[in-house]
PDB file of N, CA and C in Angstrom:
ATOM      1  N   MET A   1       0.828  -1.190   0.000  1.00  0.00           N
ATOM      2  CA  MET A   1       0.000   0.000   0.000  1.00  0.00           C
ATOM      3  C   MET A   1       0.871   1.252   0.000  1.00  0.00           C
ATOM      4  N   LYS A   2       0.309   2.324  -0.479  1.00  0.00           N
ATOM      5  CA  LYS A   2       1.004   3.601  -0.459  1.00  0.00           C
ATOM      6  C   LYS A   2       0.980   4.170   0.946  1.00  0.00           C
ATOM      7  N   LYS A   3       1.972   4.990   1.234  1.00  0.00           N
ATOM      8  CA  LYS A   3       2.001   5.715   2.492  1.00  0.00           C
ATOM      9  C   LYS A   3       1.826   7.188   2.170  1.00  0.00           C
ATOM     10  N   ILE A   4       1.143   7.885   3.064  1.00  0.00           N
ATOM     11  CA  ILE A   4       0.975   9.324   2.922  1.00  0.00           C
ATOM     12  C   ILE A   4       1.416  10.000   4.207  1.00  0.00           C
ATOM     13  N   LYS A   5       1.878  11.236   4.066  1.00  0.00           N
ATOM     14  CA  LYS A   5       2.249  12.054   5.216  1.00  0.00           C
ATOM     15  C   LYS A   5       1.194  13.136   5.361  1.00  0.00           C
ATOM     16  N   ILE A   6       0.570  13.178   6.536  1.00  0.00           N
ATOM     17  CA  ILE A   6      -0.502  14.131   6.800  1.00  0.00           C
ATOM     18  C   ILE A   6       0.014  15.136   7.825  1.00  0.00           C
ATOM     19  N   THR A   7      -0.125  16.434   7.526  1.00  0.00           N
ATOM     20  CA  THR A   7       0.307  17.494   8.423  1.00  0.00           C
ATOM     21  C   THR A   7      -0.870  18.411   8.706  1.00  0.00           C
ATOM     22  N   GLN A   8      -1.095  18.699   9.982  1.00  0.00           N
ATOM     23  CA  GLN A   8      -2.176  19.614  10.361  1.00  0.00           C
ATOM     24  C   GLN A   8      -1.663  21.034  10.243  1.00  0.00           C
ATOM     25  N   ILE A   9      -2.346  21.864   9.430  1.00  0.00           N
ATOM     26  CA  ILE A   9      -1.886  23.236   9.214  1.00  0.00           C
ATOM     27  C   ILE A   9      -2.832  24.273   9.801  1.00  0.00           C
ATOM     28  N   LYS A  10      -4.040  23.859  10.172  1.00  0.00           N
ATOM     29  CA  LYS A  10      -4.990  24.782  10.795  1.00  0.00           C
ATOM     30  C   LYS A  10      -5.520  24.142  12.065  1.00  0.00           C
ATOM     31  N   SER A  11      -5.969  24.985  12.968  1.00  0.00           N
ATOM     32  CA  SER A  11      -6.400  24.535  14.280  1.00  0.00           C
ATOM     33  C   SER A  11      -7.775  23.872  14.250  1.00  0.00           C
ATOM     34  N   GLY A  12      -7.985  22.952  15.178  1.00  0.00           N
ATOM     35  CA  GLY A  12      -9.283  22.312  15.348  1.00  0.00           C
ATOM     36  C   GLY A  12     -10.182  23.065  16.311  1.00  0.00           C
ATOM     37  N   ILE A  13      -9.668  24.162  16.874  1.00  0.00           N
ATOM     38  CA  ILE A  13     -10.469  24.968  17.799  1.00  0.00           C
ATOM     39  C   ILE A  13     -11.634  25.590  17.042  1.00  0.00           C
ATOM     40  N   ASP A  14     -12.780  25.634  17.680  1.00  0.00           N
ATOM     41  CA  ASP A  14     -14.007  26.216  17.130  1.00  0.00           C
ATOM     42  C   ASP A  14     -14.504  25.434  15.911  1.00  0.00           C
ATOM     43  N   ARG A  15     -14.244  24.134  15.893  1.00  0.00           N
ATOM     44  CA  ARG A  15     -14.753  23.233  14.851  1.00  0.00           C
ATOM     45  C   ARG A  15     -15.761  22.297  15.498  1.00  0.00           C
ATOM     46  N   SER A  16     -16.506  21.589  14.698  1.00  0.00           N
ATOM     47  CA  SER A  16     -17.489  20.654  15.242  1.00  0.00           C
ATOM     48  C   SER A  16     -16.796  19.485  15.938  1.00  0.00           C
ATOM     49  N   GLU A  17     -17.535  18.803  16.781  1.00  0.00           N
ATOM     50  CA  GLU A  17     -16.977  17.688  17.545  1.00  0.00           C
ATOM     51  C   GLU A  17     -16.509  16.563  16.623  1.00  0.00           C
ATOM     52  N   THR A  18     -17.222  16.336  15.518  1.00  0.00           N
ATOM     53  CA  THR A  18     -16.812  15.266  14.604  1.00  0.00           C
ATOM     54  C   THR A  18     -15.481  15.579  13.938  1.00  0.00           C
ATOM     55  N   VAL A  19     -15.239  16.843  13.630  1.00  0.00           N
ATOM     56  CA  VAL A  19     -13.962  17.232  13.029  1.00  0.00           C
ATOM     57  C   VAL A  19     -12.834  17.032  14.037  1.00  0.00           C
ATOM     58  N   LYS A  20     -13.063  17.417  15.288  1.00  0.00           N
ATOM     59  CA  LYS A  20     -12.048  17.241  16.325  1.00  0.00           C
ATOM     60  C   LYS A  20     -11.724  15.762  16.531  1.00  0.00           C
ATOM     61  N   ARG A  21     -12.744  14.919  16.559  1.00  0.00           N
ATOM     62  CA  ARG A  21     -12.520  13.491  16.756  1.00  0.00           C
ATOM     63  C   ARG A  21     -11.827  12.861  15.557  1.00  0.00           C
ATOM     64  N   THR A  22     -12.107  13.363  14.361  1.00  0.00           N
ATOM     65  CA  THR A  22     -11.437  12.848  13.169  1.00  0.00           C
ATOM     66  C   THR A  22      -9.946  13.174  13.207  1.00  0.00           C
ATOM     67  N   LEU A  23      -9.593  14.382  13.636  1.00  0.00           N
ATOM     68  CA  LEU A  23      -8.184  14.749  13.762  1.00  0.00           C
ATOM     69  C   LEU A  23      -7.477  13.845  14.760  1.00  0.00           C
ATOM     70  N   ILE A  24      -8.130  13.569  15.884  1.00  0.00           N
ATOM     71  CA  ILE A  24      -7.534  12.694  16.890  1.00  0.00           C
ATOM     72  C   ILE A  24      -7.390  11.278  16.343  1.00  0.00           C
ATOM     73  N   ALA A  25      -8.396  10.812  15.606  1.00  0.00           N
ATOM     74  CA  ALA A  25      -8.342   9.466  15.030  1.00  0.00           C
ATOM     75  C   ALA A  25      -7.212   9.341  14.011  1.00  0.00           C
ATOM     76  N   LEU A  26      -6.879  10.427  13.340  1.00  0.00           N
ATOM     77  CA  LEU A  26      -5.762  10.415  12.401  1.00  0.00           C
ATOM     78  C   LEU A  26      -4.420  10.473  13.123  1.00  0.00           C
ATOM     79  N   GLY A  27      -4.429  10.769  14.421  1.00  0.00           N
ATOM     80  CA  GLY A  27      -3.197  10.833  15.192  1.00  0.00           C
ATOM     81  C   GLY A  27      -2.616  12.225  15.288  1.00  0.00           C
ATOM     82  N   LEU A  28      -3.411  13.234  14.966  1.00  0.00           N
ATOM     83  CA  LEU A  28      -2.933  14.612  14.998  1.00  0.00           C
ATOM     84  C   LEU A  28      -3.430  15.292  16.270  1.00  0.00           C
ATOM     85  N   LYS A  29      -2.487  15.747  17.101  1.00  0.00           N
ATOM     86  CA  LYS A  29      -2.859  16.331  18.386  1.00  0.00           C
ATOM     87  C   LYS A  29      -2.520  17.812  18.478  1.00  0.00           C
ATOM     88  N   LYS A  30      -1.537  18.259  17.698  1.00  0.00           N
ATOM     89  CA  LYS A  30      -1.102  19.647  17.768  1.00  0.00           C
ATOM     90  C   LYS A  30      -0.989  20.231  16.365  1.00  0.00           C
ATOM     91  N   LEU A  31      -0.949  21.526  16.317  1.00  0.00           N
ATOM     92  CA  LEU A  31      -0.751  22.234  15.063  1.00  0.00           C
ATOM     93  C   LEU A  31       0.653  21.928  14.536  1.00  0.00           C
ATOM     94  N   ASN A  32       0.789  21.758  13.248  1.00  0.00           N
ATOM     95  CA  ASN A  32       2.036  21.411  12.559  1.00  0.00           C
ATOM     96  C   ASN A  32       2.542  20.012  12.897  1.00  0.00           C
ATOM     97  N   ALA A  33       1.707  19.191  13.491  1.00  0.00           N
ATOM     98  CA  ALA A  33       2.074  17.803  13.752  1.00  0.00           C
ATOM     99  C   ALA A  33       1.917  17.003  12.459  1.00  0.00           C
ATOM    100  N   SER A  34       2.769  16.006  12.280  1.00  0.00           N
ATOM    101  CA  SER A  34       2.721  15.169  11.088  1.00  0.00           C
ATOM    102  C   SER A  34       2.674  13.700  11.482  1.00  0.00           C
ATOM    103  N   VAL A  35       1.975  12.909  10.661  1.00  0.00           N
ATOM    104  CA  VAL A  35       1.947  11.465  10.836  1.00  0.00           C
ATOM    105  C   VAL A  35       2.091  10.821   9.464  1.00  0.00           C
ATOM    106  N   GLU A  36       2.706   9.642   9.448  1.00  0.00           N
ATOM    107  CA  GLU A  36       2.807   8.858   8.225  1.00  0.00           C
ATOM    108  C   GLU A  36       1.923   7.632   8.397  1.00  0.00           C
ATOM    109  N   VAL A  37       0.965   7.461   7.500  1.00  0.00           N
ATOM    110  CA  VAL A  37      -0.002   6.366   7.604  1.00  0.00           C
ATOM    111  C   VAL A  37      -0.167   5.685   6.255  1.00  0.00           C
ATOM    112  N   GLU A  38      -0.689   4.463   6.289  1.00  0.00           N
ATOM    113  CA  GLU A  38      -1.038   3.749   5.063  1.00  0.00           C
ATOM    114  C   GLU A  38      -2.257   4.420   4.437  1.00  0.00           C
ATOM    115  N   ALA A  39      -2.312   4.457   3.128  1.00  0.00           N
ATOM    116  CA  ALA A  39      -3.411   5.109   2.415  1.00  0.00           C
ATOM    117  C   ALA A  39      -4.551   4.121   2.198  1.00  0.00           C
ATOM    118  N   THR A  40      -5.220   3.750   3.293  1.00  0.00           N
ATOM    119  CA  THR A  40      -6.365   2.849   3.200  1.00  0.00           C
ATOM    120  C   THR A  40      -7.617   3.665   2.869  1.00  0.00           C
ATOM    121  N   PRO A  41      -8.680   3.028   2.401  1.00  0.00           N
ATOM    122  CA  PRO A  41      -9.915   3.775   2.128  1.00  0.00           C
ATOM    123  C   PRO A  41     -10.469   4.490   3.361  1.00  0.00           C
ATOM    124  N   GLN A  42     -10.291   3.909   4.543  1.00  0.00           N
ATOM    125  CA  GLN A  42     -10.779   4.540   5.762  1.00  0.00           C
ATOM    126  C   GLN A  42     -10.007   5.817   6.070  1.00  0.00           C
ATOM    127  N   ILE A  43      -8.693   5.762   5.939  1.00  0.00           N
ATOM    128  CA  ILE A  43      -7.861   6.938   6.201  1.00  0.00           C
ATOM    129  C   ILE A  43      -8.146   8.020   5.167  1.00  0.00           C
ATOM    130  N   LEU A  44      -8.265   7.642   3.906  1.00  0.00           N
ATOM    131  CA  LEU A  44      -8.532   8.627   2.859  1.00  0.00           C
ATOM    132  C   LEU A  44      -9.888   9.295   3.060  1.00  0.00           C
ATOM    133  N   GLY A  45     -10.860   8.571   3.574  1.00  0.00           N
ATOM    134  CA  GLY A  45     -12.167   9.157   3.877  1.00  0.00           C
ATOM    135  C   GLY A  45     -12.076  10.171   5.000  1.00  0.00           C
ATOM    136  N   MET A  46     -11.287   9.862   6.013  1.00  0.00           N
ATOM    137  CA  MET A  46     -11.102  10.816   7.113  1.00  0.00           C
ATOM    138  C   MET A  46     -10.359  12.058   6.637  1.00  0.00           C
ATOM    139  N   VAL A  47      -9.362  11.854   5.784  1.00  0.00           N
ATOM    140  CA  VAL A  47      -8.609  12.990   5.245  1.00  0.00           C
ATOM    141  C   VAL A  47      -9.523  13.873   4.409  1.00  0.00           C
ATOM    142  N   ARG A  48     -10.382  13.270   3.605  1.00  0.00           N
ATOM    143  CA  ARG A  48     -11.310  14.036   2.775  1.00  0.00           C
ATOM    144  C   ARG A  48     -12.271  14.855   3.642  1.00  0.00           C
ATOM    145  N   ARG A  49     -12.625  14.314   4.801  1.00  0.00           N
ATOM    146  CA  ARG A  49     -13.565  14.979   5.699  1.00  0.00           C
ATOM    147  C   ARG A  49     -12.975  16.261   6.301  1.00  0.00           C
ATOM    148  N   VAL A  50     -11.667  16.257   6.570  1.00  0.00           N
ATOM    149  CA  VAL A  50     -11.029  17.412   7.221  1.00  0.00           C
ATOM    150  C   VAL A  50      -9.907  18.001   6.361  1.00  0.00           C
ATOM    151  N   ASN A  51     -10.016  17.889   5.052  1.00  0.00           N
ATOM    152  CA  ASN A  51      -8.929  18.327   4.166  1.00  0.00           C
ATOM    153  C   ASN A  51      -8.671  19.830   4.227  1.00  0.00           C
ATOM    154  N   HIS A  52      -9.625  20.613   4.726  1.00  0.00           N
ATOM    155  CA  HIS A  52      -9.421  22.053   4.843  1.00  0.00           C
ATOM    156  C   HIS A  52      -8.466  22.405   5.995  1.00  0.00           C
ATOM    157  N   LEU A  53      -8.126  21.427   6.828  1.00  0.00           N
ATOM    158  CA  LEU A  53      -7.214  21.646   7.949  1.00  0.00           C
ATOM    159  C   LEU A  53      -5.858  20.981   7.735  1.00  0.00           C
ATOM    160  N   LEU A  54      -5.671  20.270   6.639  1.00  0.00           N
ATOM    161  CA  LEU A  54      -4.507  19.415   6.447  1.00  0.00           C
ATOM    162  C   LEU A  54      -3.776  19.701   5.143  1.00  0.00           C
ATOM    163  N   THR A  55      -2.531  19.233   5.092  1.00  0.00           N
ATOM    164  CA  THR A  55      -1.833  19.040   3.820  1.00  0.00           C
ATOM    165  C   THR A  55      -1.452  17.565   3.752  1.00  0.00           C
ATOM    166  N   VAL A  56      -1.504  17.022   2.554  1.00  0.00           N
ATOM    167  CA  VAL A  56      -1.225  15.598   2.367  1.00  0.00           C
ATOM    168  C   VAL A  56      -0.141  15.456   1.308  1.00  0.00           C
ATOM    169  N   GLU A  57       0.878  14.646   1.637  1.00  0.00           N
ATOM    170  CA  GLU A  57       1.960  14.370   0.700  1.00  0.00           C
ATOM    171  C   GLU A  57       2.036  12.867   0.496  1.00  0.00           C
ATOM    172  N   GLU A  58       2.244  12.457  -0.725  1.00  0.00           N
ATOM    173  CA  GLU A  58       2.432  11.041  -1.025  1.00  0.00           C
ATOM    174  C   GLU A  58       3.912  10.714  -0.864  1.00  0.00           C
ATOM    175  N   LEU A  59       4.215   9.674  -0.095  1.00  0.00           N
ATOM    176  CA  LEU A  59       5.602   9.293   0.128  1.00  0.00           C
ATOM    177  C   LEU A  59       6.037   8.270  -0.913  1.00  0.00           C
ATOM    178  N   VAL A  60       7.289   8.380  -1.341  1.00  0.00           N
ATOM    179  CA  VAL A  60       7.859   7.459  -2.307  1.00  0.00           C
ATOM    180  C   VAL A  60       8.558   6.354  -1.546  1.00  0.00           C
ATOM    181  N   GLU A  61       8.201   5.110  -1.837  1.00  0.00           N
ATOM    182  CA  GLU A  61       8.826   3.992  -1.160  1.00  0.00           C
ATOM    183  C   GLU A  61      10.125   3.623  -1.847  1.00  0.00           C
ATOM    184  N   ALA A  62      11.130   3.321  -1.050  1.00  0.00           N
ATOM    185  CA  ALA A  62      12.436   3.002  -1.616  1.00  0.00           C
ATOM    186  C   ALA A  62      12.538   1.552  -2.022  1.00  0.00           C
TER     187      ALA A  62
END
């Protein structure tokens, strides 16, 4: 599977509870935090839900 790097660039403050829980489920706890995850359909759905708060980079496997 492909891996993606997700970075939170905007705050979850003053967002709905579902958006906050989605950020936590992705493993993002602070602003400018990054995580590397497998690009499964579940993860991509969560990213699509909060894409206005994130940047996503596709990682190249060696």
